[in-house]
Amino acid sequence: VRFSRTRIDAGPADPVLTPAGREQAGAAAALLAGWPIRAIVTSPYRRCLETAALIADRIHAPVRVDALVRERCAFSCDRGSPPGLLGRLWPELDFDHLDESWWGRAIESQPSIRRRAAAFREEARTWPDQDRTLVVTHWGFLRALTGLEVENGTLVSYDPVSGASREEAVVPA
């Protein structure tokens, strides 16, 4: 919120959702309750984990953490939390596969994030429920994956086989 207003990096590492973000995640959960989602894949950042947990509670889908869908580590908020801390906060989720500093050390280049998006696309093509999996991710990763530049709370359909994507809805902030 602060960065959007001032364009100055506010400094918090791996922030939690704001009250408005929690409301938006709750609205997304209500909207997604009517979708045939069988699994959720989420970025390990706390804001995504909170969002995924709110949605999972509503739609009763299992959550899997995947660092491939993380943000590109461009700002202080893109420094993550170590797996041990995340495991204490979300004991029902598995963080054992994450490196201690899974978020990277420097700003990720566009070629690098595009390679990561391509790796995710290849992985997603093998999922049995690829057409019924929700991915909770970030603006930079979503842009690298789909070419779309969307606002927070935008729901996007993505087909990992064809690469086709389209905006489905925007959850009000």
C-alpha atoms as a PDB file:
ATOM      1  CA  VAL A   1       0.000   0.000   0.000  1.00  0.00           C
ATOM      2  CA  ARG A   2       2.727   2.447   1.038  1.00  0.00           C
ATOM      3  CA  PHE A   3       4.856   1.734  -2.056  1.00  0.00           C
ATOM      4  CA  SER A   4       1.883   2.253  -4.382  1.00  0.00           C
ATOM      5  CA  ARG A   5       1.301   5.652  -2.825  1.00  0.00           C
ATOM      6  CA  THR A   6       4.908   6.896  -2.523  1.00  0.00           C
ATOM      7  CA  ARG A   7       6.977   4.710  -4.921  1.00  0.00           C
ATOM      8  CA  ILE A   8       9.460   4.345  -2.027  1.00  0.00           C
ATOM      9  CA  ASP A   9      10.385   0.878  -0.761  1.00  0.00           C
ATOM     10  CA  ALA A  10       8.969   0.825   2.769  1.00  0.00           C
ATOM     11  CA  GLY A  11      11.369  -1.800   4.053  1.00  0.00           C
ATOM     12  CA  PRO A  12       9.336  -4.662   5.570  1.00  0.00           C
ATOM     13  CA  ALA A  13      10.595  -8.137   4.689  1.00  0.00           C
ATOM     14  CA  ASP A  14       7.933 -10.762   3.898  1.00  0.00           C
ATOM     15  CA  PRO A  15       4.957  -8.729   5.158  1.00  0.00           C
ATOM     16  CA  VAL A  16       1.651 -10.245   6.131  1.00  0.00           C
ATOM     17  CA  LEU A  17      -1.591  -9.207   4.485  1.00  0.00           C
ATOM     18  CA  THR A  18      -3.003  -5.843   5.433  1.00  0.00           C
ATOM     19  CA  PRO A  19      -6.591  -5.734   6.728  1.00  0.00           C
ATOM     20  CA  ALA A  20      -7.656  -4.745   3.196  1.00  0.00           C
ATOM     21  CA  GLY A  21      -5.660  -7.671   1.817  1.00  0.00           C
ATOM     22  CA  ARG A  22      -7.403 -10.079   4.199  1.00  0.00           C
ATOM     23  CA  GLU A  23     -10.776  -8.702   3.082  1.00  0.00           C
ATOM     24  CA  GLN A  24      -9.749  -9.116  -0.546  1.00  0.00           C
ATOM     25  CA  ALA A  25      -8.564 -12.696   0.088  1.00  0.00           C
ATOM     26  CA  GLY A  26     -11.878 -13.454   1.798  1.00  0.00           C
ATOM     27  CA  ALA A  27     -13.786 -12.053  -1.172  1.00  0.00           C
ATOM     28  CA  ALA A  28     -11.646 -14.164  -3.514  1.00  0.00           C
ATOM     29  CA  ALA A  29     -12.418 -17.243  -1.408  1.00  0.00           C
ATOM     30  CA  ALA A  30     -16.145 -16.520  -1.656  1.00  0.00           C
ATOM     31  CA  LEU A  31     -15.907 -16.099  -5.421  1.00  0.00           C
ATOM     32  CA  LEU A  32     -13.769 -19.214  -5.870  1.00  0.00           C
ATOM     33  CA  ALA A  33     -16.160 -21.332  -3.788  1.00  0.00           C
ATOM     34  CA  GLY A  34     -18.169 -21.865  -6.970  1.00  0.00           C
ATOM     35  CA  TRP A  35     -15.159 -23.011  -9.022  1.00  0.00           C
ATOM     36  CA  PRO A  36     -14.173 -26.695  -9.296  1.00  0.00           C
ATOM     37  CA  ILE A  37     -10.776 -26.278  -7.591  1.00  0.00           C
ATOM     38  CA  ARG A  38      -9.152 -29.490  -6.309  1.00  0.00           C
ATOM     39  CA  ALA A  39      -5.697 -28.204  -5.289  1.00  0.00           C
ATOM     40  CA  ILE A  40      -3.898 -24.972  -4.407  1.00  0.00           C
ATOM     41  CA  VAL A  41      -0.258 -24.188  -5.176  1.00  0.00           C
ATOM     42  CA  THR A  42       1.135 -21.141  -3.408  1.00  0.00           C
ATOM     43  CA  SER A  43       4.247 -19.037  -3.203  1.00  0.00           C
ATOM     44  CA  PRO A  44       6.081 -19.311   0.151  1.00  0.00           C
ATOM     45  CA  TYR A  45       5.696 -15.605   0.935  1.00  0.00           C
ATOM     46  CA  ARG A  46       3.528 -15.018   4.008  1.00  0.00           C
ATOM     47  CA  ARG A  47       1.011 -12.871   2.110  1.00  0.00           C
ATOM     48  CA  CYS A  48       0.403 -15.720  -0.348  1.00  0.00           C
ATOM     49  CA  LEU A  49       0.314 -18.357   2.393  1.00  0.00           C
ATOM     50  CA  GLU A  50      -2.336 -16.320   4.242  1.00  0.00           C
ATOM     51  CA  THR A  51      -4.352 -15.943   1.044  1.00  0.00           C
ATOM     52  CA  ALA A  52      -4.067 -19.642   0.201  1.00  0.00           C
ATOM     53  CA  ALA A  53      -5.093 -20.606   3.754  1.00  0.00           C
ATOM     54  CA  LEU A  54      -8.203 -18.396   3.635  1.00  0.00           C
ATOM     55  CA  ILE A  55      -9.211 -19.877   0.285  1.00  0.00           C
ATOM     56  CA  ALA A  56      -8.408 -23.463   1.333  1.00  0.00           C
ATOM     57  CA  ASP A  57     -10.568 -23.078   4.437  1.00  0.00           C
ATOM     58  CA  ARG A  58     -13.476 -22.035   2.244  1.00  0.00           C
ATOM     59  CA  ILE A  59     -13.128 -24.556  -0.600  1.00  0.00           C
ATOM     60  CA  HIS A  60     -11.495 -27.452   1.311  1.00  0.00           C
ATOM     61  CA  ALA A  61      -8.622 -27.982  -1.118  1.00  0.00           C
ATOM     62  CA  PRO A  62      -5.115 -29.121  -0.140  1.00  0.00           C
ATOM     63  CA  VAL A  63      -2.296 -26.541  -0.315  1.00  0.00           C
ATOM     64  CA  ARG A  64       1.201 -27.184  -1.688  1.00  0.00           C
ATOM     65  CA  VAL A  65       4.047 -24.661  -1.355  1.00  0.00           C
ATOM     66  CA  ASP A  66       6.196 -24.108  -4.467  1.00  0.00           C
ATOM     67  CA  ALA A  67       9.008 -21.544  -4.644  1.00  0.00           C
ATOM     68  CA  LEU A  68       8.816 -21.563  -8.457  1.00  0.00           C
ATOM     69  CA  VAL A  69       5.822 -19.212  -8.196  1.00  0.00           C
ATOM     70  CA  ARG A  70       7.589 -16.702  -5.905  1.00  0.00           C
ATOM     71  CA  GLU A  71       8.067 -13.009  -6.688  1.00  0.00           C
ATOM     72  CA  ARG A  72      11.249 -11.775  -8.373  1.00  0.00           C
ATOM     73  CA  CYS A  73      12.969 -10.340  -5.292  1.00  0.00           C
ATOM     74  CA  ALA A  74      12.987  -6.723  -6.437  1.00  0.00           C
ATOM     75  CA  PHE A  75      11.971  -5.029  -3.161  1.00  0.00           C
ATOM     76  CA  SER A  76      12.437  -5.561   0.555  1.00  0.00           C
ATOM     77  CA  CYS A  77       8.972  -7.155   0.773  1.00  0.00           C
ATOM     78  CA  ASP A  78      10.293  -9.858  -1.570  1.00  0.00           C
ATOM     79  CA  ARG A  79      12.773 -11.143   1.020  1.00  0.00           C
ATOM     80  CA  GLY A  80      11.077 -14.213   2.413  1.00  0.00           C
ATOM     81  CA  SER A  81      11.028 -16.021   5.721  1.00  0.00           C
ATOM     82  CA  PRO A  82      13.063 -19.135   6.483  1.00  0.00           C
ATOM     83  CA  PRO A  83      11.271 -22.493   6.208  1.00  0.00           C
ATOM     84  CA  GLY A  84      11.521 -23.112   9.967  1.00  0.00           C
ATOM     85  CA  LEU A  85       9.540 -19.967  10.754  1.00  0.00           C
ATOM     86  CA  LEU A  86       6.985 -20.701   8.025  1.00  0.00           C
ATOM     87  CA  GLY A  87       6.578 -24.223   9.388  1.00  0.00           C
ATOM     88  CA  ARG A  88       5.827 -22.856  12.857  1.00  0.00           C
ATOM     89  CA  LEU A  89       3.244 -20.443  11.409  1.00  0.00           C
ATOM     90  CA  TRP A  90       1.634 -23.040   9.097  1.00  0.00           C
ATOM     91  CA  PRO A  91       2.364 -26.428  10.705  1.00  0.00           C
ATOM     92  CA  GLU A  92      -0.086 -28.168   8.360  1.00  0.00           C
ATOM     93  CA  LEU A  93       2.058 -27.292   5.314  1.00  0.00           C
ATOM     94  CA  ASP A  94       5.352 -28.799   4.133  1.00  0.00           C
ATOM     95  CA  PHE A  95       8.320 -26.428   3.852  1.00  0.00           C
ATOM     96  CA  ASP A  96      11.086 -29.057   4.099  1.00  0.00           C
ATOM     97  CA  HIS A  97      11.868 -28.837   0.374  1.00  0.00           C
ATOM     98  CA  LEU A  98      12.696 -25.099   0.543  1.00  0.00           C
ATOM     99  CA  ASP A  99      16.252 -23.791   0.756  1.00  0.00           C
ATOM    100  CA  GLU A 100      16.938 -21.607   3.792  1.00  0.00           C
ATOM    101  CA  SER A 101      17.029 -18.487   1.535  1.00  0.00           C
ATOM    102  CA  TRP A 102      14.577 -19.676  -1.138  1.00  0.00           C
ATOM    103  CA  TRP A 103      13.752 -16.111  -2.281  1.00  0.00           C
ATOM    104  CA  GLY A 104      17.125 -15.222  -3.816  1.00  0.00           C
ATOM    105  CA  ARG A 105      19.696 -12.601  -2.916  1.00  0.00           C
ATOM    106  CA  ALA A 106      19.405  -9.990  -5.686  1.00  0.00           C
ATOM    107  CA  ILE A 107      16.857  -8.656  -8.151  1.00  0.00           C
ATOM    108  CA  GLU A 108      16.014 -11.476 -10.511  1.00  0.00           C
ATOM    109  CA  SER A 109      16.552 -10.632 -14.181  1.00  0.00           C
ATOM    110  CA  GLN A 110      13.736 -10.870 -16.710  1.00  0.00           C
ATOM    111  CA  PRO A 111      15.443 -13.788 -18.513  1.00  0.00           C
ATOM    112  CA  SER A 112      15.745 -15.628 -15.191  1.00  0.00           C
ATOM    113  CA  ILE A 113      12.107 -15.158 -14.174  1.00  0.00           C
ATOM    114  CA  ARG A 114      11.004 -16.192 -17.678  1.00  0.00           C
ATOM    115  CA  ARG A 115      13.080 -19.405 -17.319  1.00  0.00           C
ATOM    116  CA  ARG A 116      11.447 -20.011 -13.937  1.00  0.00           C
ATOM    117  CA  ALA A 117       7.990 -19.448 -15.463  1.00  0.00           C
ATOM    118  CA  ALA A 118       8.875 -21.915 -18.255  1.00  0.00           C
ATOM    119  CA  ALA A 119       9.967 -24.489 -15.648  1.00  0.00           C
ATOM    120  CA  PHE A 120       6.677 -23.986 -13.819  1.00  0.00           C
ATOM    121  CA  ARG A 121       4.748 -24.373 -17.090  1.00  0.00           C
ATOM    122  CA  GLU A 122       6.507 -27.700 -17.746  1.00  0.00           C
ATOM    123  CA  GLU A 123       5.763 -28.884 -14.216  1.00  0.00           C
ATOM    124  CA  ALA A 124       2.101 -27.787 -14.398  1.00  0.00           C
ATOM    125  CA  ARG A 125       1.590 -29.702 -17.642  1.00  0.00           C
ATOM    126  CA  THR A 126       2.136 -32.931 -15.695  1.00  0.00           C
ATOM    127  CA  TRP A 127      -0.418 -32.255 -12.950  1.00  0.00           C
ATOM    128  CA  PRO A 128      -3.434 -34.564 -13.109  1.00  0.00           C
ATOM    129  CA  ASP A 129      -5.771 -31.697 -12.125  1.00  0.00           C
ATOM    130  CA  GLN A 130      -4.017 -28.898 -14.008  1.00  0.00           C
ATOM    131  CA  ASP A 131      -7.372 -27.442 -15.041  1.00  0.00           C
ATOM    132  CA  ARG A 132      -8.582 -27.465 -11.425  1.00  0.00           C
ATOM    133  CA  THR A 133      -5.520 -26.102  -9.629  1.00  0.00           C
ATOM    134  CA  LEU A 134      -5.429 -22.610  -8.163  1.00  0.00           C
ATOM    135  CA  VAL A 135      -2.034 -20.884  -8.042  1.00  0.00           C
ATOM    136  CA  VAL A 136      -1.563 -18.062  -5.527  1.00  0.00           C
ATOM    137  CA  THR A 137       1.317 -16.000  -6.875  1.00  0.00           C
ATOM    138  CA  HIS A 138       2.632 -12.505  -7.565  1.00  0.00           C
ATOM    139  CA  TRP A 139       2.506  -9.801 -10.211  1.00  0.00           C
ATOM    140  CA  GLY A 140       6.040 -10.315 -11.535  1.00  0.00           C
ATOM    141  CA  PHE A 141       5.749 -14.085 -11.830  1.00  0.00           C
ATOM    142  CA  LEU A 142       2.292 -13.885 -13.393  1.00  0.00           C
ATOM    143  CA  ARG A 143       3.569 -11.346 -15.935  1.00  0.00           C
ATOM    144  CA  ALA A 144       6.485 -13.644 -16.850  1.00  0.00           C
ATOM    145  CA  LEU A 145       4.153 -16.638 -17.155  1.00  0.00           C
ATOM    146  CA  THR A 146       1.262 -15.065 -19.064  1.00  0.00           C
ATOM    147  CA  GLY A 147       2.375 -11.662 -20.354  1.00  0.00           C
ATOM    148  CA  LEU A 148      -0.527 -10.063 -18.474  1.00  0.00           C
ATOM    149  CA  GLU A 149       0.019  -7.049 -16.224  1.00  0.00           C
ATOM    150  CA  VAL A 150      -2.752  -7.223 -13.645  1.00  0.00           C
ATOM    151  CA  GLU A 151      -3.659  -5.628 -10.327  1.00  0.00           C
ATOM    152  CA  ASN A 152      -3.739  -7.385  -6.941  1.00  0.00           C
ATOM    153  CA  GLY A 153      -6.779  -9.601  -6.631  1.00  0.00           C
ATOM    154  CA  THR A 154      -7.070 -10.395 -10.338  1.00  0.00           C
ATOM    155  CA  LEU A 155      -8.105 -13.952 -11.112  1.00  0.00           C
ATOM    156  CA  VAL A 156      -6.505 -15.245 -14.298  1.00  0.00           C
ATOM    157  CA  SER A 157      -7.227 -18.489 -16.153  1.00  0.00           C
ATOM    158  CA  TYR A 158      -4.111 -20.140 -17.530  1.00  0.00           C
ATOM    159  CA  ASP A 159      -3.706 -23.275 -19.632  1.00  0.00           C
ATOM    160  CA  PRO A 160      -0.183 -24.711 -19.181  1.00  0.00           C
ATOM    161  CA  VAL A 161      -0.525 -26.831 -22.326  1.00  0.00           C
ATOM    162  CA  SER A 162      -1.378 -24.036 -24.768  1.00  0.00           C
ATOM    163  CA  GLY A 163      -0.066 -21.121 -22.709  1.00  0.00           C
ATOM    164  CA  ALA A 164      -3.356 -19.291 -23.219  1.00  0.00           C
ATOM    165  CA  SER A 165      -4.444 -16.931 -20.438  1.00  0.00           C
ATOM    166  CA  ARG A 166      -7.213 -14.445 -19.757  1.00  0.00           C
ATOM    167  CA  GLU A 167      -8.451 -12.298 -16.913  1.00  0.00           C
ATOM    168  CA  GLU A 168     -11.521 -13.831 -15.278  1.00  0.00           C
ATOM    169  CA  ALA A 169     -12.381 -11.398 -12.503  1.00  0.00           C
ATOM    170  CA  VAL A 170     -10.972  -8.703 -10.251  1.00  0.00           C
ATOM    171  CA  VAL A 171     -11.700  -8.979  -6.549  1.00  0.00           C
ATOM    172  CA  PRO A 172     -12.358  -5.494  -5.143  1.00  0.00           C
ATOM    173  CA  ALA A 173      -9.729  -4.173  -2.725  1.00  0.00           C
END
